[in-house]
Amino acid sequence: MQAPIYYTSYILSNLMNNNLENIANKSDSKSKTWIIYILVFLGSLDALYLTWTKLFSVDTLCLGAGKCDVVNASSYSTIAGVPIAALGLAMYLVIGGITLLERFAPHLRELSRLAVFGVSLFGCVYSMWLTYVEIIIIEEICIWCVGSAIIISAIFFTSIVRLRYLS
C-alpha cells in the first residue's frame, strides 16, 4: 500500500517543480526516434514506388481507391521535369539522414531535431497543397499520395513531440 502513495507524491512533487522529464521514461525520446526511422522507411518506399512508376511509365497499382495514373500523369506531378515523388524521396532521405546524424553526433541533437521539424513542416504543408490539387483541381485521388501525406504529417507531429524532450 505504501508504493502507490509514494509514487503519487513523487509525481505531484515533480509536477509542482515543473520537472516532467523526471516522470517521463528516458527511453521515450529514443522510441520517438525509432518512430521517425520507421516512418522514413515507409515514406521512402512509397515515394520510390511512385518515382519508379512515373519514370518508367508503369501503371500504378491503385488498390481500387482512386485513379493514381491520372494524378501521376498530371502536369502537377513534376517540377521542372523532376517527379514530385522523387523530391519526396529526397525529403524522406534527408529527414532520415538528419535523424541518424543525431545518433552519431549528440552535440547536434537540438539542431538536428529542429531541422527535422523544419523539413517535415515544409513537407506537410506541401503535401496539403498537393492533396488540395488532387481533390479540387484534378478531381481524382491517388492512394499512394495520400499515404505519403499521412506519413509526412506523422513525422511532423512526432518531431514536435521530440522537441519536447530537449533538455
Foldseek 3Di string as FASTA:
>chain_A
DVVVVVVVVVVVVCVVVVNCVVVDDPCPLVVLLVLLVVLLVVLLVLLVLLQVCLVVVNQDDQVPAKHQSLLCPDPVQDDPNHGPSVVSNVLSVVLNVLSVVCVVPVVCVLVSLVVLLVSLVVVLVVLVVSVCCQCPPSNIDRPSSVVSNVSSVSSNVSSVVSNVPDD
